[in-house]
Amino acid sequence: ERYEKAPALSFKSSTASISFEFVVISLYFAFKVLSGTNSSFTMTGGTLNSKSGHVFHVTNTSAEINLTGVTINNTDSDNVLISVTNDGWSGNANTATLNAKSQTLTGKIIVSNTANKDSQKSTLNLNLDANSVFEGSIGDENSSSSALGTVNVTLNGGWKLTGDSYVTSLSNKGTVNLNGYKLYVNGKKYTQSLASAKVRGLKNQTYTGKNIKPSPKVVL
């Protein structure tokens, strides 16, 4: 399956089963690729089977991934949902936006700047709607923050940690279940008491690691 010079792929079916070794979204890389300055992968319903490697790998491009009610079967032992890294050619962006609607996401998320010092920094924007849940961890390729790129999480649903996690910003209108692990936002430890909407009296909150402030549409 080669998707060279095909900036967008879209699948819509309640019964489709799509099997990839992995999905690479890159400007030039030509194996199972969405290539182009701006690339996108959209799937509604159906099943996405990922047999080897990371389910999604984004490098050397700006990519948007839209998933709505998709069943993802990842049989790779490393269990990486998405990686955004600067291991492509220098001079291009390594930016991904993952939008999840009525979606269950599981696995590790890697956003790392370790590979190519001449390439642009890696960025992930992760957006979960109220009907979506993420069970997994976020960090660099060493599951730490030493080479972490920029990670912005907008959480309207739920996040259950399966490992210590590191993000740049967290806009939280949902639920964070630390599950015994640690979450760091912009280098500061995130605690249930500090983040609790009930304790703060806020329904909507944005946590940047420096403070908690109401989101624009705050409900007291």
N, C-alpha and C. Protein backbone atom coordinates (compact mmCIF):
# COMPACT_ATOMS: atom_id res chain seq x y z
N GLU A 1 0.84 -1.18 0.00
CA GLU A 1 0.00 0.00 0.00
C GLU A 1 0.88 1.23 0.00
N ARG A 2 0.99 1.92 -1.12
CA ARG A 2 1.78 3.14 -1.21
C ARG A 2 0.85 4.29 -1.47
N TYR A 3 0.99 5.35 -0.68
CA TYR A 3 0.16 6.52 -0.84
C TYR A 3 1.06 7.73 -1.07
N GLU A 4 1.90 7.61 -2.10
CA GLU A 4 2.83 8.67 -2.42
C GLU A 4 2.06 9.80 -3.09
N LYS A 5 2.38 11.02 -2.70
CA LYS A 5 1.76 12.22 -3.25
C LYS A 5 0.24 12.18 -3.11
N ALA A 6 -0.20 11.61 -2.02
CA ALA A 6 -1.63 11.57 -1.71
C ALA A 6 -1.81 12.22 -0.36
N PRO A 7 -2.14 13.52 -0.31
CA PRO A 7 -2.13 14.24 0.95
C PRO A 7 -3.25 13.87 1.89
N ALA A 8 -4.25 13.11 1.43
CA ALA A 8 -5.37 12.81 2.31
C ALA A 8 -5.91 11.43 2.03
N LEU A 9 -6.24 10.73 3.11
CA LEU A 9 -6.93 9.45 3.01
C LEU A 9 -8.16 9.52 3.90
N SER A 10 -9.27 9.01 3.39
CA SER A 10 -10.51 9.04 4.17
C SER A 10 -11.22 7.71 4.01
N PHE A 11 -11.66 7.15 5.13
CA PHE A 11 -12.39 5.89 5.14
C PHE A 11 -13.66 6.08 5.94
N LYS A 12 -14.77 5.62 5.40
CA LYS A 12 -16.04 5.72 6.12
C LYS A 12 -16.85 4.47 5.89
N SER A 13 -16.98 3.67 6.94
CA SER A 13 -17.74 2.44 6.84
C SER A 13 -17.95 1.87 8.22
N SER A 14 -19.08 1.30 8.45
CA SER A 14 -19.33 0.68 9.75
C SER A 14 -18.81 -0.75 9.79
N THR A 15 -18.40 -1.28 8.65
CA THR A 15 -17.98 -2.67 8.61
C THR A 15 -16.57 -2.86 8.03
N ALA A 16 -15.96 -1.78 7.58
CA ALA A 16 -14.66 -1.90 6.93
C ALA A 16 -13.61 -2.38 7.92
N SER A 17 -12.70 -3.20 7.44
CA SER A 17 -11.55 -3.62 8.21
C SER A 17 -10.31 -3.28 7.41
N ILE A 18 -9.51 -2.35 7.92
CA ILE A 18 -8.33 -1.88 7.21
C ILE A 18 -7.10 -2.35 7.97
N SER A 19 -6.21 -3.05 7.28
CA SER A 19 -5.03 -3.58 7.93
C SER A 19 -3.78 -2.94 7.36
N PHE A 20 -2.94 -2.38 8.24
CA PHE A 20 -1.66 -1.82 7.86
C PHE A 20 -0.58 -2.47 8.72
N GLU A 21 0.62 -2.51 8.19
CA GLU A 21 1.74 -2.80 9.08
C GLU A 21 1.85 -1.64 10.06
N PHE A 22 1.78 -0.43 9.54
CA PHE A 22 1.71 0.78 10.34
C PHE A 22 1.38 1.90 9.36
N VAL A 23 0.99 3.06 9.87
CA VAL A 23 0.68 4.20 9.03
C VAL A 23 1.72 5.27 9.28
N VAL A 24 2.48 5.60 8.25
CA VAL A 24 3.48 6.65 8.36
C VAL A 24 2.97 7.88 7.62
N ILE A 25 2.97 9.01 8.29
CA ILE A 25 2.54 10.24 7.66
C ILE A 25 3.75 11.14 7.58
N SER A 26 4.24 11.34 6.36
CA SER A 26 5.50 12.03 6.16
C SER A 26 5.47 12.76 4.84
N LEU A 27 6.38 13.72 4.67
CA LEU A 27 6.41 14.47 3.42
C LEU A 27 6.99 13.65 2.28
N TYR A 28 8.00 12.85 2.55
CA TYR A 28 8.68 12.14 1.48
C TYR A 28 8.67 10.62 1.62
N PHE A 29 8.65 10.13 2.82
CA PHE A 29 8.75 8.69 3.02
C PHE A 29 7.60 7.99 2.31
N ALA A 30 7.91 6.91 1.60
CA ALA A 30 6.96 6.41 0.61
C ALA A 30 6.38 5.03 0.91
N PHE A 31 6.37 4.62 2.16
CA PHE A 31 5.75 3.34 2.48
C PHE A 31 4.56 3.58 3.39
N LYS A 32 3.37 3.28 2.85
CA LYS A 32 2.14 3.55 3.58
C LYS A 32 2.14 4.99 4.08
N VAL A 33 2.22 5.91 3.14
CA VAL A 33 2.47 7.31 3.45
C VAL A 33 1.33 8.21 3.02
N LEU A 34 1.04 9.22 3.81
CA LEU A 34 0.29 10.37 3.34
C LEU A 34 1.34 11.45 3.16
N SER A 35 1.62 11.85 1.94
CA SER A 35 2.69 12.81 1.73
C SER A 35 2.12 14.13 1.26
N GLY A 36 2.83 15.19 1.54
CA GLY A 36 2.38 16.52 1.20
C GLY A 36 2.63 17.44 2.37
N THR A 37 2.69 18.73 2.11
CA THR A 37 2.98 19.68 3.17
C THR A 37 1.96 19.57 4.29
N ASN A 38 0.69 19.37 3.91
CA ASN A 38 -0.37 19.13 4.89
C ASN A 38 -1.05 17.81 4.54
N SER A 39 -1.05 16.88 5.47
CA SER A 39 -1.59 15.55 5.22
C SER A 39 -2.71 15.26 6.20
N SER A 40 -3.60 14.33 5.81
CA SER A 40 -4.67 13.97 6.73
C SER A 40 -5.06 12.51 6.57
N PHE A 41 -5.54 11.95 7.69
CA PHE A 41 -6.06 10.60 7.71
C PHE A 41 -7.37 10.68 8.48
N THR A 42 -8.47 10.29 7.83
CA THR A 42 -9.78 10.37 8.46
C THR A 42 -10.47 9.01 8.35
N MET A 43 -10.99 8.53 9.47
CA MET A 43 -11.70 7.26 9.46
C MET A 43 -12.89 7.35 10.40
N THR A 44 -14.04 6.92 9.91
CA THR A 44 -15.27 6.91 10.68
C THR A 44 -15.82 5.49 10.72
N GLY A 45 -15.93 4.93 11.91
CA GLY A 45 -16.40 3.57 12.04
C GLY A 45 -15.39 2.56 11.53
N GLY A 46 -15.76 1.31 11.59
CA GLY A 46 -14.90 0.25 11.07
C GLY A 46 -13.79 -0.13 12.01
N THR A 47 -12.85 -0.92 11.51
CA THR A 47 -11.75 -1.45 12.30
C THR A 47 -10.43 -1.14 11.64
N LEU A 48 -9.48 -0.64 12.41
CA LEU A 48 -8.13 -0.38 11.94
C LEU A 48 -7.20 -1.35 12.63
N ASN A 49 -6.64 -2.29 11.86
CA ASN A 49 -5.72 -3.28 12.40
C ASN A 49 -4.29 -2.86 12.12
N SER A 50 -3.52 -2.66 13.16
CA SER A 50 -2.11 -2.30 13.01
C SER A 50 -1.26 -3.48 13.49
N LYS A 51 -0.51 -4.06 12.58
CA LYS A 51 0.14 -5.33 12.86
C LYS A 51 1.57 -5.19 13.36
N SER A 52 2.23 -4.09 13.01
CA SER A 52 3.64 -3.97 13.39
C SER A 52 4.01 -2.50 13.49
N GLY A 53 4.81 -2.16 14.48
CA GLY A 53 5.24 -0.78 14.64
C GLY A 53 4.15 0.08 15.25
N HIS A 54 4.35 1.39 15.17
CA HIS A 54 3.40 2.34 15.73
C HIS A 54 2.17 2.44 14.83
N VAL A 55 1.00 2.61 15.43
CA VAL A 55 -0.21 2.72 14.61
C VAL A 55 -0.07 3.91 13.67
N PHE A 56 0.33 5.06 14.21
CA PHE A 56 0.59 6.25 13.38
C PHE A 56 1.98 6.77 13.70
N HIS A 57 2.69 7.14 12.64
CA HIS A 57 4.00 7.79 12.82
C HIS A 57 4.02 9.04 11.95
N VAL A 58 4.23 10.19 12.58
CA VAL A 58 4.19 11.47 11.86
C VAL A 58 5.57 12.10 11.91
N THR A 59 6.09 12.42 10.74
CA THR A 59 7.38 13.09 10.66
C THR A 59 7.46 13.90 9.37
N ASN A 60 8.12 15.05 9.44
CA ASN A 60 8.42 15.84 8.25
C ASN A 60 7.17 16.39 7.56
N THR A 61 6.11 16.58 8.30
CA THR A 61 4.89 17.12 7.71
C THR A 61 3.99 17.66 8.81
N SER A 62 2.94 18.35 8.42
CA SER A 62 1.86 18.73 9.33
C SER A 62 0.67 17.83 9.01
N ALA A 63 0.24 17.05 9.97
CA ALA A 63 -0.78 16.03 9.71
C ALA A 63 -1.96 16.20 10.65
N GLU A 64 -3.15 15.89 10.12
CA GLU A 64 -4.35 15.86 10.93
C GLU A 64 -4.95 14.47 10.85
N ILE A 65 -5.21 13.87 12.01
CA ILE A 65 -5.77 12.53 12.09
C ILE A 65 -7.13 12.65 12.78
N ASN A 66 -8.18 12.21 12.09
CA ASN A 66 -9.53 12.30 12.61
C ASN A 66 -10.10 10.89 12.76
N LEU A 67 -10.44 10.51 13.98
CA LEU A 67 -10.97 9.18 14.25
C LEU A 67 -12.32 9.32 14.95
N THR A 68 -13.33 8.64 14.40
CA THR A 68 -14.67 8.67 14.99
C THR A 68 -15.21 7.26 15.09
N GLY A 69 -15.32 6.76 16.31
CA GLY A 69 -15.89 5.43 16.51
C GLY A 69 -15.17 4.32 15.82
N VAL A 70 -13.85 4.40 15.75
CA VAL A 70 -13.03 3.37 15.09
C VAL A 70 -12.52 2.38 16.12
N THR A 71 -12.61 1.10 15.81
CA THR A 71 -11.99 0.07 16.65
C THR A 71 -10.56 -0.12 16.20
N ILE A 72 -9.60 0.14 17.08
CA ILE A 72 -8.18 0.03 16.74
C ILE A 72 -7.61 -1.21 17.41
N ASN A 73 -7.11 -2.12 16.60
CA ASN A 73 -6.45 -3.33 17.10
C ASN A 73 -4.96 -3.21 16.82
N ASN A 74 -4.20 -2.96 17.86
CA ASN A 74 -2.75 -2.83 17.73
C ASN A 74 -2.09 -4.06 18.33
N THR A 75 -1.52 -4.90 17.49
CA THR A 75 -0.93 -6.15 17.97
C THR A 75 0.58 -6.08 18.15
N ASP A 76 1.15 -4.89 17.96
CA ASP A 76 2.59 -4.73 18.18
C ASP A 76 2.88 -4.71 19.67
N SER A 77 3.97 -5.35 20.08
CA SER A 77 4.27 -5.51 21.51
C SER A 77 4.59 -4.18 22.19
N ASP A 78 5.08 -3.19 21.46
CA ASP A 78 5.41 -1.90 22.05
C ASP A 78 4.16 -1.06 22.33
N ASN A 79 3.06 -1.37 21.66
CA ASN A 79 1.77 -0.74 21.92
C ASN A 79 1.84 0.79 21.83
N VAL A 80 2.42 1.30 20.74
CA VAL A 80 2.50 2.75 20.52
C VAL A 80 1.35 3.18 19.62
N LEU A 81 0.52 4.07 20.11
CA LEU A 81 -0.60 4.57 19.33
C LEU A 81 -0.14 5.55 18.27
N ILE A 82 0.64 6.54 18.66
CA ILE A 82 1.14 7.54 17.71
C ILE A 82 2.50 8.04 18.18
N SER A 83 3.38 8.25 17.22
CA SER A 83 4.67 8.89 17.51
C SER A 83 4.83 10.07 16.57
N VAL A 84 5.28 11.18 17.13
CA VAL A 84 5.59 12.38 16.36
C VAL A 84 7.04 12.72 16.66
N THR A 85 7.91 12.55 15.67
CA THR A 85 9.34 12.69 15.92
C THR A 85 10.00 13.45 14.78
N ASN A 86 11.17 13.99 15.07
CA ASN A 86 11.91 14.75 14.06
C ASN A 86 12.98 13.89 13.40
N ASP A 87 12.57 12.70 12.96
CA ASP A 87 13.51 11.79 12.31
C ASP A 87 13.43 11.86 10.79
N GLY A 88 12.74 12.86 10.25
CA GLY A 88 12.64 13.02 8.81
C GLY A 88 13.69 13.99 8.30
N TRP A 89 13.45 14.53 7.11
CA TRP A 89 14.37 15.49 6.52
C TRP A 89 14.30 16.80 7.28
N SER A 90 15.40 17.55 7.28
CA SER A 90 15.43 18.81 8.01
C SER A 90 14.64 19.88 7.29
N GLY A 91 14.14 20.84 8.07
CA GLY A 91 13.48 22.00 7.49
C GLY A 91 11.99 21.92 7.42
N ASN A 92 11.39 20.77 7.71
CA ASN A 92 9.95 20.64 7.65
C ASN A 92 9.36 20.38 9.03
N ALA A 93 8.07 20.65 9.14
CA ALA A 93 7.42 20.51 10.43
C ALA A 93 7.22 19.05 10.80
N ASN A 94 7.14 18.82 12.10
CA ASN A 94 6.78 17.50 12.63
C ASN A 94 5.61 17.75 13.58
N THR A 95 4.46 18.00 12.98
CA THR A 95 3.29 18.44 13.75
C THR A 95 2.10 17.55 13.45
N ALA A 96 1.42 17.12 14.51
CA ALA A 96 0.23 16.29 14.34
C ALA A 96 -0.90 16.80 15.22
N THR A 97 -2.12 16.73 14.69
CA THR A 97 -3.32 16.98 15.47
C THR A 97 -4.17 15.72 15.39
N LEU A 98 -4.46 15.15 16.54
CA LEU A 98 -5.28 13.95 16.61
C LEU A 98 -6.61 14.31 17.25
N ASN A 99 -7.68 14.23 16.46
CA ASN A 99 -9.03 14.54 16.92
C ASN A 99 -9.80 13.24 17.11
N ALA A 100 -10.29 13.01 18.33
CA ALA A 100 -11.02 11.79 18.63
C ALA A 100 -12.46 12.12 19.02
N LYS A 101 -13.42 11.47 18.35
CA LYS A 101 -14.83 11.65 18.64
C LYS A 101 -15.46 10.28 18.86
N SER A 102 -16.15 10.12 19.99
CA SER A 102 -16.75 8.82 20.34
C SER A 102 -15.73 7.71 20.14
N GLN A 103 -14.53 7.92 20.69
CA GLN A 103 -13.39 7.09 20.35
C GLN A 103 -12.70 6.57 21.60
N THR A 104 -12.27 5.31 21.56
CA THR A 104 -11.40 4.74 22.59
C THR A 104 -9.99 4.65 22.03
N LEU A 105 -9.05 5.26 22.74
CA LEU A 105 -7.65 5.24 22.34
C LEU A 105 -6.84 4.57 23.43
N THR A 106 -5.95 3.68 23.04
CA THR A 106 -5.09 3.01 24.02
C THR A 106 -3.67 2.97 23.50
N GLY A 107 -2.73 2.96 24.45
CA GLY A 107 -1.32 2.80 24.07
C GLY A 107 -0.46 3.99 24.45
N LYS A 108 0.79 3.89 24.07
CA LYS A 108 1.76 4.96 24.35
C LYS A 108 1.67 6.04 23.27
N ILE A 109 1.90 7.27 23.68
CA ILE A 109 2.07 8.38 22.75
C ILE A 109 3.48 8.92 22.93
N ILE A 110 4.21 9.03 21.82
CA ILE A 110 5.59 9.50 21.84
C ILE A 110 5.69 10.79 21.06
N VAL A 111 6.22 11.83 21.68
CA VAL A 111 6.49 13.10 21.00
C VAL A 111 7.92 13.48 21.36
N SER A 112 8.83 13.37 20.40
CA SER A 112 10.24 13.41 20.74
C SER A 112 11.05 14.23 19.75
N ASN A 113 12.12 14.86 20.27
CA ASN A 113 13.01 15.68 19.45
C ASN A 113 14.43 15.12 19.39
N THR A 114 14.60 13.84 19.61
CA THR A 114 15.94 13.29 19.75
C THR A 114 16.66 13.02 18.43
N ALA A 115 15.94 12.84 17.35
CA ALA A 115 16.55 12.27 16.15
C ALA A 115 17.40 13.25 15.35
N ASN A 116 16.82 14.35 14.90
CA ASN A 116 17.49 15.24 13.95
C ASN A 116 17.50 16.65 14.53
N LYS A 117 18.65 17.10 14.95
CA LYS A 117 18.75 18.41 15.59
C LYS A 117 18.47 19.55 14.62
N ASP A 118 18.63 19.31 13.32
CA ASP A 118 18.38 20.35 12.33
C ASP A 118 16.92 20.44 11.92
N SER A 119 16.12 19.47 12.30
CA SER A 119 14.72 19.46 11.94
C SER A 119 13.92 20.28 12.94
N GLN A 120 12.71 20.70 12.54
CA GLN A 120 11.86 21.45 13.43
C GLN A 120 11.41 20.56 14.59
N LYS A 121 11.05 21.21 15.69
CA LYS A 121 10.62 20.50 16.88
C LYS A 121 9.29 19.79 16.63
N SER A 122 9.06 18.75 17.39
CA SER A 122 7.85 17.94 17.24
C SER A 122 6.73 18.48 18.11
N THR A 123 5.50 18.45 17.56
CA THR A 123 4.34 18.96 18.29
C THR A 123 3.15 18.04 18.07
N LEU A 124 2.42 17.76 19.15
CA LEU A 124 1.17 17.01 19.06
C LEU A 124 0.07 17.78 19.77
N ASN A 125 -1.06 17.94 19.10
CA ASN A 125 -2.27 18.46 19.71
C ASN A 125 -3.27 17.31 19.77
N LEU A 126 -3.61 16.91 20.99
CA LEU A 126 -4.52 15.78 21.20
C LEU A 126 -5.84 16.31 21.72
N ASN A 127 -6.92 16.06 20.97
CA ASN A 127 -8.24 16.57 21.32
C ASN A 127 -9.23 15.42 21.47
N LEU A 128 -9.78 15.26 22.67
CA LEU A 128 -10.76 14.21 22.93
C LEU A 128 -12.10 14.84 23.27
N ASP A 129 -13.17 14.41 22.59
CA ASP A 129 -14.48 14.94 22.90
C ASP A 129 -15.04 14.24 24.14
N ALA A 130 -16.25 14.64 24.54
CA ALA A 130 -16.83 14.15 25.80
C ALA A 130 -17.11 12.65 25.79
N ASN A 131 -17.18 12.05 24.61
CA ASN A 131 -17.48 10.63 24.49
C ASN A 131 -16.24 9.79 24.19
N SER A 132 -15.07 10.38 24.38
CA SER A 132 -13.83 9.68 24.07
C SER A 132 -13.00 9.45 25.32
N VAL A 133 -12.25 8.36 25.32
CA VAL A 133 -11.37 8.05 26.44
C VAL A 133 -10.01 7.64 25.89
N PHE A 134 -8.98 7.98 26.65
CA PHE A 134 -7.61 7.59 26.33
C PHE A 134 -7.04 6.85 27.52
N GLU A 135 -6.59 5.63 27.30
CA GLU A 135 -5.93 4.84 28.33
C GLU A 135 -4.50 4.60 27.87
N GLY A 136 -3.58 5.38 28.43
CA GLY A 136 -2.21 5.26 27.98
C GLY A 136 -1.32 6.29 28.63
N SER A 137 -0.13 6.45 28.07
CA SER A 137 0.87 7.38 28.61
C SER A 137 1.40 8.27 27.51
N ILE A 138 2.00 9.39 27.91
CA ILE A 138 2.58 10.35 26.97
C ILE A 138 3.98 10.71 27.45
N GLY A 139 4.95 10.68 26.53
CA GLY A 139 6.31 11.08 26.86
C GLY A 139 7.18 11.05 25.62
N ASP A 140 8.49 11.22 25.81
CA ASP A 140 9.40 11.08 24.68
C ASP A 140 9.67 9.59 24.43
N GLU A 141 10.59 9.29 23.56
CA GLU A 141 10.78 7.88 23.20
C GLU A 141 11.43 7.07 24.32
N ASN A 142 11.87 7.75 25.36
CA ASN A 142 12.39 7.06 26.53
C ASN A 142 11.39 7.10 27.69
N SER A 143 10.14 7.43 27.37
CA SER A 143 9.08 7.55 28.37
C SER A 143 9.44 8.55 29.46
N SER A 144 10.11 9.63 29.05
CA SER A 144 10.52 10.68 29.99
C SER A 144 10.22 12.03 29.36
N SER A 145 10.76 13.10 29.95
CA SER A 145 10.53 14.43 29.41
C SER A 145 11.80 15.08 28.87
N SER A 146 12.92 14.35 28.90
CA SER A 146 14.21 14.95 28.56
C SER A 146 14.28 15.42 27.11
N ALA A 147 13.59 14.74 26.21
CA ALA A 147 13.59 15.13 24.80
C ALA A 147 12.17 15.36 24.30
N LEU A 148 11.28 15.68 25.22
CA LEU A 148 9.87 15.83 24.87
C LEU A 148 9.65 17.04 23.96
N GLY A 149 8.81 16.84 22.94
CA GLY A 149 8.37 17.96 22.12
C GLY A 149 7.25 18.70 22.82
N THR A 150 6.46 19.41 22.05
CA THR A 150 5.31 20.14 22.61
C THR A 150 4.07 19.26 22.53
N VAL A 151 3.40 19.08 23.66
CA VAL A 151 2.20 18.25 23.72
C VAL A 151 1.08 19.06 24.37
N ASN A 152 0.05 19.36 23.60
CA ASN A 152 -1.11 20.09 24.11
C ASN A 152 -2.31 19.15 24.11
N VAL A 153 -2.91 18.97 25.27
CA VAL A 153 -4.03 18.04 25.41
C VAL A 153 -5.29 18.82 25.77
N THR A 154 -6.34 18.62 24.98
CA THR A 154 -7.66 19.14 25.30
C THR A 154 -8.54 17.95 25.63
N LEU A 155 -8.91 17.85 26.90
CA LEU A 155 -9.59 16.66 27.41
C LEU A 155 -11.02 17.00 27.81
N ASN A 156 -11.97 16.52 27.03
CA ASN A 156 -13.38 16.65 27.38
C ASN A 156 -13.95 15.32 27.86
N GLY A 157 -13.23 14.24 27.62
CA GLY A 157 -13.65 12.91 28.05
C GLY A 157 -12.81 12.43 29.21
N GLY A 158 -12.20 11.26 29.09
CA GLY A 158 -11.43 10.68 30.19
C GLY A 158 -10.05 10.25 29.77
N TRP A 159 -9.10 10.34 30.72
CA TRP A 159 -7.74 9.86 30.50
C TRP A 159 -7.33 9.04 31.72
N LYS A 160 -7.05 7.75 31.49
CA LYS A 160 -6.52 6.88 32.53
C LYS A 160 -5.06 6.60 32.22
N LEU A 161 -4.18 7.02 33.10
CA LEU A 161 -2.75 6.85 32.86
C LEU A 161 -2.34 5.39 33.03
N THR A 162 -1.44 4.94 32.17
CA THR A 162 -0.84 3.62 32.31
C THR A 162 0.67 3.72 32.53
N GLY A 163 1.14 4.94 32.75
CA GLY A 163 2.55 5.20 33.01
C GLY A 163 2.72 6.67 33.30
N ASP A 164 3.85 7.05 33.89
CA ASP A 164 4.12 8.46 34.12
C ASP A 164 4.05 9.21 32.79
N SER A 165 3.47 10.40 32.81
CA SER A 165 3.21 11.12 31.56
C SER A 165 3.62 12.58 31.69
N TYR A 166 3.92 13.17 30.51
CA TYR A 166 4.45 14.53 30.46
C TYR A 166 3.79 15.27 29.30
N VAL A 167 3.20 16.43 29.61
CA VAL A 167 2.58 17.25 28.57
C VAL A 167 2.98 18.70 28.80
N THR A 168 2.75 19.52 27.79
CA THR A 168 3.07 20.93 27.88
C THR A 168 1.90 21.71 28.47
N SER A 169 0.69 21.38 28.02
CA SER A 169 -0.50 22.03 28.55
C SER A 169 -1.65 21.04 28.56
N LEU A 170 -2.58 21.28 29.49
CA LEU A 170 -3.75 20.41 29.63
C LEU A 170 -4.98 21.27 29.87
N SER A 171 -5.90 21.24 28.91
CA SER A 171 -7.19 21.89 29.07
C SER A 171 -8.18 20.81 29.45
N ASN A 172 -8.61 20.81 30.71
CA ASN A 172 -9.32 19.66 31.25
C ASN A 172 -10.76 20.00 31.60
N LYS A 173 -11.68 19.47 30.82
CA LYS A 173 -13.10 19.55 31.14
C LYS A 173 -13.65 18.15 31.41
N GLY A 174 -12.74 17.18 31.46
CA GLY A 174 -13.14 15.79 31.66
C GLY A 174 -12.60 15.25 32.96
N THR A 175 -12.07 14.02 32.88
CA THR A 175 -11.60 13.33 34.07
C THR A 175 -10.22 12.76 33.84
N VAL A 176 -9.30 13.02 34.78
CA VAL A 176 -7.97 12.42 34.74
C VAL A 176 -7.87 11.41 35.87
N ASN A 177 -7.62 10.16 35.52
CA ASN A 177 -7.41 9.10 36.50
C ASN A 177 -5.91 8.80 36.52
N LEU A 178 -5.22 9.27 37.54
CA LEU A 178 -3.78 9.06 37.60
C LEU A 178 -3.42 7.58 37.72
N ASN A 179 -4.29 6.78 38.29
CA ASN A 179 -4.10 5.34 38.33
C ASN A 179 -2.77 4.94 38.98
N GLY A 180 -2.33 5.74 39.94
CA GLY A 180 -1.09 5.43 40.64
C GLY A 180 0.16 5.99 39.98
N TYR A 181 0.02 6.67 38.86
CA TYR A 181 1.17 7.22 38.14
C TYR A 181 1.24 8.73 38.33
N LYS A 182 2.28 9.34 37.80
CA LYS A 182 2.48 10.78 37.92
C LYS A 182 2.25 11.46 36.56
N LEU A 183 1.64 12.62 36.62
CA LEU A 183 1.42 13.44 35.43
C LEU A 183 2.08 14.79 35.66
N TYR A 184 2.93 15.19 34.71
CA TYR A 184 3.61 16.47 34.80
C TYR A 184 3.13 17.37 33.66
N VAL A 185 2.75 18.59 34.02
CA VAL A 185 2.31 19.56 33.03
C VAL A 185 3.29 20.73 33.04
N ASN A 186 4.00 20.89 31.93
CA ASN A 186 5.02 21.94 31.84
C ASN A 186 6.02 21.83 32.99
N GLY A 187 6.34 20.60 33.36
CA GLY A 187 7.34 20.34 34.37
C GLY A 187 6.85 20.31 35.80
N LYS A 188 5.58 20.64 36.01
CA LYS A 188 5.04 20.66 37.36
C LYS A 188 4.10 19.49 37.57
N LYS A 189 4.23 18.86 38.74
CA LYS A 189 3.41 17.69 39.03
C LYS A 189 1.94 18.09 39.16
N TYR A 190 1.12 17.30 38.50
CA TYR A 190 -0.32 17.51 38.48
C TYR A 190 -0.95 16.59 39.51
N THR A 191 -1.72 17.15 40.43
CA THR A 191 -2.31 16.33 41.49
C THR A 191 -3.82 16.37 41.40
N GLN A 192 -4.44 15.33 41.90
CA GLN A 192 -5.90 15.24 41.85
C GLN A 192 -6.54 16.39 42.64
N SER A 193 -5.97 16.74 43.79
CA SER A 193 -6.56 17.80 44.60
C SER A 193 -6.43 19.15 43.91
N LEU A 194 -5.30 19.39 43.28
CA LEU A 194 -5.09 20.65 42.59
C LEU A 194 -5.98 20.77 41.38
N ALA A 195 -6.19 19.63 40.68
CA ALA A 195 -6.93 19.66 39.43
C ALA A 195 -8.42 19.47 39.60
N SER A 196 -8.88 19.13 40.81
CA SER A 196 -10.27 18.77 41.00
C SER A 196 -11.21 19.94 40.76
N ALA A 197 -12.15 19.75 39.85
CA ALA A 197 -13.13 20.80 39.59
C ALA A 197 -14.00 21.04 40.81
N LYS A 198 -14.26 19.99 41.58
CA LYS A 198 -15.09 20.15 42.76
C LYS A 198 -14.38 20.98 43.82
N VAL A 199 -13.10 20.71 44.01
CA VAL A 199 -12.34 21.46 44.99
C VAL A 199 -12.23 22.93 44.58
N ARG A 200 -11.99 23.14 43.29
CA ARG A 200 -11.83 24.50 42.80
C ARG A 200 -13.16 25.21 42.60
N GLY A 201 -14.23 24.43 42.52
CA GLY A 201 -15.53 25.03 42.24
C GLY A 201 -15.72 25.36 40.78
N LEU A 202 -14.89 24.76 39.94
CA LEU A 202 -14.93 25.04 38.51
C LEU A 202 -15.26 23.78 37.75
N LYS A 203 -16.09 23.92 36.76
CA LYS A 203 -16.40 22.78 35.90
C LYS A 203 -15.36 22.66 34.81
N ASN A 204 -14.93 23.79 34.27
CA ASN A 204 -13.98 23.81 33.16
C ASN A 204 -12.68 24.43 33.65
N GLN A 205 -11.56 23.87 33.25
CA GLN A 205 -10.29 24.40 33.72
C GLN A 205 -9.19 24.18 32.69
N THR A 206 -8.21 25.05 32.70
CA THR A 206 -7.02 24.90 31.88
C THR A 206 -5.82 24.93 32.81
N TYR A 207 -5.00 23.91 32.74
CA TYR A 207 -3.84 23.81 33.62
C TYR A 207 -2.59 23.90 32.77
N THR A 208 -1.73 24.87 33.06
CA THR A 208 -0.53 25.08 32.26
C THR A 208 0.73 24.69 33.02
N GLY A 209 0.59 24.20 34.23
CA GLY A 209 1.75 23.88 35.03
C GLY A 209 2.12 25.03 35.95
N LYS A 210 1.65 26.23 35.66
CA LYS A 210 1.92 27.38 36.50
C LYS A 210 0.70 27.75 37.34
N ASN A 211 -0.47 27.49 36.75
CA ASN A 211 -1.69 27.84 37.49
C ASN A 211 -2.86 27.08 36.89
N ILE A 212 -4.00 27.19 37.53
CA ILE A 212 -5.25 26.70 36.98
C ILE A 212 -6.13 27.92 36.76
N LYS A 213 -6.68 28.02 35.60
CA LYS A 213 -7.55 29.16 35.33
C LYS A 213 -8.80 28.65 34.64
N PRO A 214 -9.93 29.33 34.79
CA PRO A 214 -11.14 28.91 34.11
C PRO A 214 -10.98 29.02 32.61
N SER A 215 -11.55 28.06 31.89
CA SER A 215 -11.60 28.20 30.45
C SER A 215 -12.62 29.29 30.12
N PRO A 216 -12.60 29.81 28.88
CA PRO A 216 -13.46 30.96 28.57
C PRO A 216 -14.92 30.77 28.94
N LYS A 217 -15.44 29.56 28.79
CA LYS A 217 -16.83 29.30 29.12
C LYS A 217 -16.91 28.56 30.46
N VAL A 218 -16.58 29.29 31.49
CA VAL A 218 -16.53 28.67 32.81
C VAL A 218 -17.93 28.57 33.40
N VAL A 219 -18.19 27.45 34.05
CA VAL A 219 -19.46 27.24 34.74
C VAL A 219 -19.16 27.10 36.22
N LEU A 220 -19.66 27.98 37.04
CA LEU A 220 -19.38 27.94 38.47
C LEU A 220 -20.40 27.08 39.18
